[in-house]
C-alpha atoms as a PDB file:
ATOM      1  CA  MET A   1     209.894 113.142 141.420  1.00  0.00           C
ATOM      2  CA  SER A   2     207.698 113.569 145.126  1.00  0.00           C
ATOM      3  CA  SER A   3     205.626 116.567 145.359  1.00  0.00           C
ATOM      4  CA  VAL A   4     202.954 116.423 147.869  1.00  0.00           C
ATOM      5  CA  ARG A   5     199.926 119.296 147.666  1.00  0.00           C
ATOM      6  CA  ILE A   6     196.207 119.237 147.924  1.00  0.00           C
ATOM      7  CA  LEU A   7     194.155 119.477 144.852  1.00  0.00           C
ATOM      8  CA  VAL A   8     190.130 120.327 145.250  1.00  0.00           C
ATOM      9  CA  TYR A   9     187.667 119.539 142.463  1.00  0.00           C
ATOM     10  CA  TRP A  10     184.645 117.255 143.076  1.00  0.00           C
ATOM     11  CA  PRO A  11     184.537 113.735 141.489  1.00  0.00           C
ATOM     12  CA  PHE A  12     181.755 114.380 138.755  1.00  0.00           C
ATOM     13  CA  THR A  13     180.582 117.751 137.166  1.00  0.00           C
ATOM     14  CA  ARG A  14     177.243 118.497 136.203  1.00  0.00           C
ATOM     15  CA  THR A  15     175.221 115.802 135.628  1.00  0.00           C
ATOM     16  CA  ARG A  16     176.561 113.152 137.244  1.00  0.00           C
ATOM     17  CA  GLY A  17     177.633 115.591 139.935  1.00  0.00           C
ATOM     18  CA  ILE A  18     174.161 116.160 140.435  1.00  0.00           C
ATOM     19  CA  VAL A  19     173.231 111.964 139.912  1.00  0.00           C
ATOM     20  CA  TYR A  20     176.185 111.285 142.643  1.00  0.00           C
ATOM     21  CA  LEU A  21     174.565 114.122 145.107  1.00  0.00           C
ATOM     22  CA  LEU A  22     171.106 112.335 144.904  1.00  0.00           C
ATOM     23  CA  LEU A  23     172.238 109.118 145.313  1.00  0.00           C
ATOM     24  CA  SER A  24     174.288 109.894 148.317  1.00  0.00           C
ATOM     25  CA  ILE A  25     171.509 111.219 150.046  1.00  0.00           C
ATOM     26  CA  ILE A  26     169.814 107.908 148.980  1.00  0.00           C
ATOM     27  CA  VAL A  27     172.340 105.665 150.513  1.00  0.00           C
ATOM     28  CA  LEU A  28     173.516 107.751 153.574  1.00  0.00           C
ATOM     29  CA  PRO A  29     171.449 105.937 155.829  1.00  0.00           C
ATOM     30  CA  ALA A  30     173.151 102.392 154.870  1.00  0.00           C
ATOM     31  CA  TYR A  31     176.500 104.070 155.433  1.00  0.00           C
ATOM     32  CA  MET A  32     175.690 105.523 158.680  1.00  0.00           C
ATOM     33  CA  LEU A  33     173.769 102.859 159.952  1.00  0.00           C
ATOM     34  CA  ASN A  34     176.962  99.926 159.078  1.00  0.00           C
ATOM     35  CA  LEU A  35     179.485 102.181 160.094  1.00  0.00           C
ATOM     36  CA  ALA A  36     177.791 102.300 163.479  1.00  0.00           C
ATOM     37  CA  THR A  37     177.051  98.189 163.495  1.00  0.00           C
ATOM     38  CA  ALA A  38     180.628  98.171 163.133  1.00  0.00           C
ATOM     39  CA  LEU A  39     181.723 100.988 165.864  1.00  0.00           C
ATOM     40  CA  SER A  40     179.171  98.970 168.707  1.00  0.00           C
ATOM     41  CA  LEU A  41     180.798  95.750 168.233  1.00  0.00           C
ATOM     42  CA  ILE A  42     184.094  97.493 169.757  1.00  0.00           C
ATOM     43  CA  GLY A  43     182.224  98.663 172.270  1.00  0.00           C
ATOM     44  CA  LEU A  44     180.590 101.936 171.829  1.00  0.00           C
ATOM     45  CA  SER A  45     177.655 102.768 173.167  1.00  0.00           C
ATOM     46  CA  SER A  46     174.450 102.580 170.148  1.00  0.00           C
ATOM     47  CA  TYR A  47     174.194 106.729 170.341  1.00  0.00           C
ATOM     48  CA  TYR A  48     177.809 107.343 170.159  1.00  0.00           C
ATOM     49  CA  SER A  49     178.107 104.268 167.261  1.00  0.00           C
ATOM     50  CA  ALA A  50     175.120 106.065 165.738  1.00  0.00           C
ATOM     51  CA  LEU A  51     176.924 109.599 166.181  1.00  0.00           C
ATOM     52  CA  VAL A  52     180.530 109.071 164.384  1.00  0.00           C
ATOM     53  CA  GLY A  53     178.808 106.620 162.248  1.00  0.00           C
ATOM     54  CA  PHE A  54     176.806 109.770 160.994  1.00  0.00           C
ATOM     55  CA  LEU A  55     179.880 111.968 161.358  1.00  0.00           C
ATOM     56  CA  ILE A  56     182.293 109.446 159.296  1.00  0.00           C
ATOM     57  CA  THR A  57     179.626 109.540 156.580  1.00  0.00           C
ATOM     58  CA  ILE A  58     178.901 113.474 156.226  1.00  0.00           C
ATOM     59  CA  ILE A  59     182.907 113.993 156.377  1.00  0.00           C
ATOM     60  CA  SER A  60     183.933 111.425 153.314  1.00  0.00           C
ATOM     61  CA  LEU A  61     181.072 112.971 151.324  1.00  0.00           C
ATOM     62  CA  VAL A  62     182.516 116.266 151.805  1.00  0.00           C
ATOM     63  CA  MET A  63     186.064 115.746 151.617  1.00  0.00           C
ATOM     64  CA  SER A  64     185.617 113.822 148.316  1.00  0.00           C
ATOM     65  CA  SER A  65     186.314 116.850 146.640  1.00  0.00           C
ATOM     66  CA  ILE A  66     189.983 116.636 148.020  1.00  0.00           C
ATOM     67  CA  HIS A  67     192.642 114.677 146.883  1.00  0.00           C
ATOM     68  CA  VAL A  68     196.409 114.454 148.251  1.00  0.00           C
ATOM     69  CA  VAL A  69     199.024 114.452 145.681  1.00  0.00           C
ATOM     70  CA  ILE A  70     201.649 112.426 146.892  1.00  0.00           C
ATOM     71  CA  TYR A  71     203.907 111.621 144.185  1.00  0.00           C
ATOM     72  CA  GLU A  72     204.406 112.641 140.095  1.00  0.00           C
ATOM     73  CA  VAL A  73     206.305 110.474 137.521  1.00  0.00           C
ATOM     74  CA  ASN A  74     207.222 111.549 133.974  1.00  0.00           C
ATOM     75  CA  THR A  75     205.496 109.191 131.785  1.00  0.00           C
ATOM     76  CA  THR A  76     205.005 109.202 127.923  1.00  0.00           C
ATOM     77  CA  VAL A  77     202.030 109.173 125.479  1.00  0.00           C
ATOM     78  CA  TYR A  78     201.750 107.212 123.010  1.00  0.00           C
ATOM     79  CA  THR A  79     199.326 108.377 119.790  1.00  0.00           C
ATOM     80  CA  PRO A  80     199.003 106.277 116.603  1.00  0.00           C
ATOM     81  CA  ALA A  81     199.659 108.473 113.561  1.00  0.00           C
ATOM     82  CA  VAL A  82     200.323 108.044 109.378  1.00  0.00           C
ATOM     83  CA  THR A  83     203.437 109.027 107.853  1.00  0.00           C
ATOM     84  CA  SER A  84     203.050 109.285 103.919  1.00  0.00           C
ATOM     85  CA  ILE A  85     206.101 109.017 101.586  1.00  0.00           C
ATOM     86  CA  THR A  86     206.771 109.381  98.329  1.00  0.00           C
ATOM     87  CA  LEU A  87     208.731 107.285  96.187  1.00  0.00           C
ATOM     88  CA  PHE A  88     208.793 107.421  92.248  1.00  0.00           C
ATOM     89  CA  GLY A  89     205.448 109.014  92.076  1.00  0.00           C
ATOM     90  CA  MET A  90     203.748 107.028  94.502  1.00  0.00           C
ATOM     91  CA  THR A  91     202.328 107.523  98.276  1.00  0.00           C
ATOM     92  CA  PHE A  92     202.870 105.303 100.536  1.00  0.00           C
ATOM     93  CA  LYS A  93     201.009 105.560 104.209  1.00  0.00           C
ATOM     94  CA  ILE A  94     203.057 104.210 106.800  1.00  0.00           C
ATOM     95  CA  PRO A  95     201.561 103.907 111.182  1.00  0.00           C
ATOM     96  CA  THR A  96     203.717 105.444 113.357  1.00  0.00           C
ATOM     97  CA  PHE A  97     203.417 106.972 116.675  1.00  0.00           C
ATOM     98  CA  LEU A  98     203.777 110.105 117.603  1.00  0.00           C
ATOM     99  CA  THR A  99     205.077 110.585 121.484  1.00  0.00           C
ATOM    100  CA  GLN A 100     204.107 113.131 123.961  1.00  0.00           C
ATOM    101  CA  ALA A 101     205.842 113.489 127.441  1.00  0.00           C
ATOM    102  CA  ARG A 102     203.487 114.127 130.308  1.00  0.00           C
ATOM    103  CA  ARG A 103     203.525 114.423 134.123  1.00  0.00           C
ATOM    104  CA  THR A 104     201.217 111.514 136.004  1.00  0.00           C
ATOM    105  CA  ALA A 105     200.281 112.642 139.532  1.00  0.00           C
ATOM    106  CA  ILE A 106     199.313 109.695 141.874  1.00  0.00           C
ATOM    107  CA  SER A 107     197.406 111.152 144.222  1.00  0.00           C
ATOM    108  CA  ILE A 108     194.959 109.975 147.321  1.00  0.00           C
ATOM    109  CA  ASN A 109     191.389 110.676 147.926  1.00  0.00           C
ATOM    110  CA  ALA A 110     190.794 111.724 151.061  1.00  0.00           C
ATOM    111  CA  GLY A 111     186.734 110.692 151.594  1.00  0.00           C
ATOM    112  CA  GLY A 112     187.112 108.060 149.011  1.00  0.00           C
ATOM    113  CA  ALA A 113     190.164 106.256 150.780  1.00  0.00           C
ATOM    114  CA  LEU A 114     192.256 108.398 153.177  1.00  0.00           C
ATOM    115  CA  ILE A 115     188.957 108.429 156.126  1.00  0.00           C
ATOM    116  CA  PRO A 116     188.232 104.629 155.366  1.00  0.00           C
ATOM    117  CA  VAL A 117     191.852 104.105 155.601  1.00  0.00           C
ATOM    118  CA  ALA A 118     191.795 106.076 159.042  1.00  0.00           C
ATOM    119  CA  VAL A 119     189.080 104.308 160.357  1.00  0.00           C
ATOM    120  CA  SER A 120     190.096 100.767 159.305  1.00  0.00           C
ATOM    121  CA  ALA A 121     193.321 101.286 161.597  1.00  0.00           C
ATOM    122  CA  PHE A 122     191.198 102.503 164.304  1.00  0.00           C
ATOM    123  CA  LEU A 123     189.210  99.541 164.096  1.00  0.00           C
ATOM    124  CA  THR A 124     192.275  97.297 163.937  1.00  0.00           C
ATOM    125  CA  TYR A 125     194.165  98.764 166.710  1.00  0.00           C
ATOM    126  CA  MET A 126     190.147  98.686 169.207  1.00  0.00           C
ATOM    127  CA  LEU A 127     190.162  94.541 168.013  1.00  0.00           C
ATOM    128  CA  TYR A 128     193.484  94.053 168.953  1.00  0.00           C
ATOM    129  CA  VAL A 129     193.538  95.778 172.108  1.00  0.00           C
ATOM    130  CA  ARG A 130     190.713  94.007 173.082  1.00  0.00           C
ATOM    131  CA  TYR A 131     190.354  90.794 171.235  1.00  0.00           C
ATOM    132  CA  PRO A 132     194.495  89.995 170.468  1.00  0.00           C
ATOM    133  CA  GLY A 133     193.614  86.268 168.753  1.00  0.00           C
ATOM    134  CA  LEU A 134     192.288  88.716 166.053  1.00  0.00           C
ATOM    135  CA  ALA A 135     195.639  89.481 164.551  1.00  0.00           C
ATOM    136  CA  VAL A 136     196.512  86.346 162.385  1.00  0.00           C
ATOM    137  CA  PRO A 137     192.625  86.500 161.335  1.00  0.00           C
ATOM    138  CA  ILE A 138     192.851  90.107 160.386  1.00  0.00           C
ATOM    139  CA  VAL A 139     196.167  89.738 158.283  1.00  0.00           C
ATOM    140  CA  VAL A 140     195.137  86.213 156.620  1.00  0.00           C
ATOM    141  CA  SER A 141     191.511  87.604 155.138  1.00  0.00           C
ATOM    142  CA  VAL A 142     192.982  91.285 153.879  1.00  0.00           C
ATOM    143  CA  LEU A 143     195.999  89.371 151.946  1.00  0.00           C
ATOM    144  CA  VAL A 144     193.372  86.735 150.774  1.00  0.00           C
ATOM    145  CA  THR A 145     191.105  89.084 150.057  1.00  0.00           C
ATOM    146  CA  ALA A 146     193.452  91.803 147.960  1.00  0.00           C
ATOM    147  CA  LEU A 147     195.047  89.086 145.983  1.00  0.00           C
ATOM    148  CA  ILE A 148     191.444  87.416 144.790  1.00  0.00           C
ATOM    149  CA  VAL A 149     190.892  91.301 143.747  1.00  0.00           C
ATOM    150  CA  ASN A 150     193.715  91.641 142.459  1.00  0.00           C
ATOM    151  CA  ARG A 151     192.957  89.150 140.295  1.00  0.00           C
ATOM    152  CA  ILE A 152     189.491  89.880 139.356  1.00  0.00           C
ATOM    153  CA  SER A 153     190.766  93.995 138.663  1.00  0.00           C
ATOM    154  CA  ARG A 154     191.856  95.544 135.051  1.00  0.00           C
ATOM    155  CA  VAL A 155     192.870  98.408 134.166  1.00  0.00           C
ATOM    156  CA  VAL A 156     191.051 100.439 131.888  1.00  0.00           C
ATOM    157  CA  PRO A 157     192.550 103.580 129.805  1.00  0.00           C
ATOM    158  CA  ALA A 158     191.205 107.062 130.954  1.00  0.00           C
ATOM    159  CA  VAL A 159     188.899 104.931 133.607  1.00  0.00           C
ATOM    160  CA  GLY A 160     191.371 103.839 135.955  1.00  0.00           C
ATOM    161  CA  VAL A 161     191.176 100.269 138.044  1.00  0.00           C
ATOM    162  CA  VAL A 162     187.521  98.315 137.191  1.00  0.00           C
ATOM    163  CA  THR A 163     186.413  95.314 139.309  1.00  0.00           C
ATOM    164  CA  PRO A 164     182.922  94.046 139.105  1.00  0.00           C
ATOM    165  CA  ALA A 165     181.301  96.308 142.167  1.00  0.00           C
ATOM    166  CA  ILE A 166     179.420  93.207 144.065  1.00  0.00           C
ATOM    167  CA  VAL A 167     182.673  91.229 144.116  1.00  0.00           C
ATOM    168  CA  PRO A 168     184.948  92.402 146.933  1.00  0.00           C
ATOM    169  CA  PRO A 169     182.087  93.404 149.943  1.00  0.00           C
ATOM    170  CA  ILE A 170     180.632  89.634 149.667  1.00  0.00           C
ATOM    171  CA  LEU A 171     184.205  87.980 149.318  1.00  0.00           C
ATOM    172  CA  ALA A 172     185.739  90.163 152.312  1.00  0.00           C
ATOM    173  CA  ALA A 173     182.747  89.135 154.017  1.00  0.00           C
ATOM    174  CA  LEU A 174     183.188  85.656 153.461  1.00  0.00           C
ATOM    175  CA  MET A 175     186.825  85.804 154.150  1.00  0.00           C
ATOM    176  CA  SER A 176     186.493  87.369 157.274  1.00  0.00           C
ATOM    177  CA  TYR A 177     184.059  84.944 158.389  1.00  0.00           C
ATOM    178  CA  MET A 178     186.211  81.953 157.487  1.00  0.00           C
ATOM    179  CA  ALA A 179     189.401  83.148 158.820  1.00  0.00           C
ATOM    180  CA  ILE A 180     187.893  84.063 162.378  1.00  0.00           C
ATOM    181  CA  ALA A 181     185.782  80.358 162.497  1.00  0.00           C
ATOM    182  CA  LEU A 182     188.576  78.483 161.684  1.00  0.00           C
ATOM    183  CA  THR A 183     191.363  80.187 164.235  1.00  0.00           C
ATOM    184  CA  SER A 184     189.256  82.449 166.784  1.00  0.00           C
ATOM    185  CA  SER A 185     185.501  81.126 166.617  1.00  0.00           C
ATOM    186  CA  ALA A 186     185.103  82.508 170.359  1.00  0.00           C
ATOM    187  CA  TYR A 187     185.159  86.096 168.728  1.00  0.00           C
ATOM    188  CA  ILE A 188     182.505  85.521 165.796  1.00  0.00           C
ATOM    189  CA  PHE A 189     180.321  88.226 166.792  1.00  0.00           C
ATOM    190  CA  VAL A 190     182.853  90.221 165.361  1.00  0.00           C
ATOM    191  CA  THR A 191     183.474  89.474 162.077  1.00  0.00           C
ATOM    192  CA  PRO A 192     181.285  92.750 160.524  1.00  0.00           C
ATOM    193  CA  VAL A 193     184.180  94.589 162.042  1.00  0.00           C
ATOM    194  CA  VAL A 194     186.740  92.511 160.385  1.00  0.00           C
ATOM    195  CA  ALA A 195     184.682  93.181 157.397  1.00  0.00           C
ATOM    196  CA  TYR A 196     185.121  96.359 157.437  1.00  0.00           C
ATOM    197  CA  VAL A 197     189.287  96.324 157.556  1.00  0.00           C
ATOM    198  CA  THR A 198     189.488  93.715 154.909  1.00  0.00           C
ATOM    199  CA  GLY A 199     187.193  95.228 152.399  1.00  0.00           C
ATOM    200  CA  VAL A 200     188.772  98.474 152.804  1.00  0.00           C
ATOM    201  CA  LEU A 201     192.671  97.552 153.258  1.00  0.00           C
ATOM    202  CA  GLY A 202     191.843  94.474 150.645  1.00  0.00           C
ATOM    203  CA  THR A 203     190.544  96.803 148.035  1.00  0.00           C
ATOM    204  CA  LEU A 204     193.115  99.629 148.160  1.00  0.00           C
ATOM    205  CA  ILE A 205     195.644  96.861 147.955  1.00  0.00           C
ATOM    206  CA  GLY A 206     194.633  94.532 145.556  1.00  0.00           C
ATOM    207  CA  ALA A 207     192.930  96.514 143.134  1.00  0.00           C
ATOM    208  CA  ASP A 208     195.067  99.904 143.480  1.00  0.00           C
ATOM    209  CA  LEU A 209     198.613  99.473 144.980  1.00  0.00           C
ATOM    210  CA  LEU A 210     199.025  96.252 143.344  1.00  0.00           C
ATOM    211  CA  ASN A 211     198.058  97.709 140.076  1.00  0.00           C
ATOM    212  CA  ILE A 212     199.760 100.975 140.418  1.00  0.00           C
ATOM    213  CA  SER A 213     202.743 100.350 137.565  1.00  0.00           C
ATOM    214  CA  LYS A 214     199.487  99.374 135.316  1.00  0.00           C
ATOM    215  CA  VAL A 215     197.707 102.587 135.933  1.00  0.00           C
ATOM    216  CA  ILE A 216     201.149 104.712 135.414  1.00  0.00           C
ATOM    217  CA  GLU A 217     201.920 103.172 132.512  1.00  0.00           C
ATOM    218  CA  ALA A 218     198.593 103.904 130.778  1.00  0.00           C
ATOM    219  CA  ALA A 219     199.858 107.715 131.530  1.00  0.00           C
ATOM    220  CA  PRO A 220     196.658 109.315 132.858  1.00  0.00           C
ATOM    221  CA  ILE A 221     197.203 113.015 134.015  1.00  0.00           C
ATOM    222  CA  ILE A 222     196.299 111.614 137.498  1.00  0.00           C
ATOM    223  CA  ALA A 223     196.016 108.582 139.094  1.00  0.00           C
ATOM    224  CA  ASP A 224     193.373 109.086 141.821  1.00  0.00           C
ATOM    225  CA  ILE A 225     193.380 106.458 144.515  1.00  0.00           C
ATOM    226  CA  GLY A 226     189.619 106.490 146.034  1.00  0.00           C
ATOM    227  CA  GLY A 227     189.012 109.158 143.476  1.00  0.00           C
ATOM    228  CA  ALA A 228     184.577 108.524 143.216  1.00  0.00           C
ATOM    229  CA  GLY A 229     184.661 109.311 146.996  1.00  0.00           C
ATOM    230  CA  THR A 230     181.680 107.696 148.833  1.00  0.00           C
ATOM    231  CA  PHE A 231     180.859 105.366 145.836  1.00  0.00           C
ATOM    232  CA  ASP A 232     184.419 104.507 145.155  1.00  0.00           C
ATOM    233  CA  GLY A 233     185.348 100.849 145.727  1.00  0.00           C
ATOM    234  CA  ILE A 234     187.279 101.440 148.826  1.00  0.00           C
ATOM    235  CA  PHE A 235     184.960 103.070 150.554  1.00  0.00           C
ATOM    236  CA  PHE A 236     182.007 101.026 149.194  1.00  0.00           C
ATOM    237  CA  THR A 237     183.442  97.941 150.204  1.00  0.00           C
ATOM    238  CA  GLY A 238     183.864  98.090 153.105  1.00  0.00           C
ATOM    239  CA  ILE A 239     180.442  99.491 153.639  1.00  0.00           C
ATOM    240  CA  LEU A 240     178.847  96.980 151.876  1.00  0.00           C
ATOM    241  CA  ALA A 241     181.031  94.119 153.872  1.00  0.00           C
ATOM    242  CA  VAL A 242     180.045  94.809 157.075  1.00  0.00           C
ATOM    243  CA  PHE A 243     175.907  94.366 155.518  1.00  0.00           C
ATOM    244  CA  TYR A 244     177.455  91.047 153.832  1.00  0.00           C
ATOM    245  CA  ALA A 245     178.746  89.697 156.992  1.00  0.00           C
ATOM    246  CA  SER A 246     176.301  90.695 159.502  1.00  0.00           C
ATOM    247  CA  LEU A 247     173.907  88.366 157.050  1.00  0.00           C
ATOM    248  CA  ILE A 248     176.230  85.744 157.319  1.00  0.00           C
ATOM    249  CA  SER A 249     176.739  86.053 161.195  1.00  0.00           C
ATOM    250  CA  THR A 250     172.885  85.394 161.665  1.00  0.00           C
ATOM    251  CA  LEU A 251     172.924  81.992 159.664  1.00  0.00           C
END
């Protein structure tokens, strides 16, 4: 059953919430710098790249508390239990399961998913307008990254989709560089931009969308794509991919 509605709550509470805010303050400069780098490579001036990078980062952090519910589905929770049966004066304990109907809401986090996807769409459009030859490398790098990320990700009940944090951004940077080098080497200088798009979309598709059926099977109350906000794999991978791609491009 489809039901679009907005939920507002902070990804983390109490001590974890304080740690989240402190870490955000520490890494905000790096987030802004990497976003500004990607924006400058598509033609924005240094001033506007820095300004837009700053605004996107701050808005992403603030909007991490906004979750857009796009779908709801009926699920069943199976809880281990023991049933006792008495026969001829003897009691036997038989393992069984208790079933409980539940509704699972599938949502998209504004700061951790919607904004980076919107930025990726904008960057992809600008790249296509300026450098049409990059269409194939972008598609190839996104698809390959998505497939590999899907293979290394796993669904953990009560946690969600888990992937080794450092692998997706490095993978996105390498795939972007290789795809451009093999097909459109003249555009190698925009590798960090392609890496951002690859990191965001590759992680979204590979870790979240391709695993959504497994997440639903775990029957959580809410399955939140990008739910960790600016520290979610979608946002985090895109930002780090720019950094790693910048290093690779200068070698």
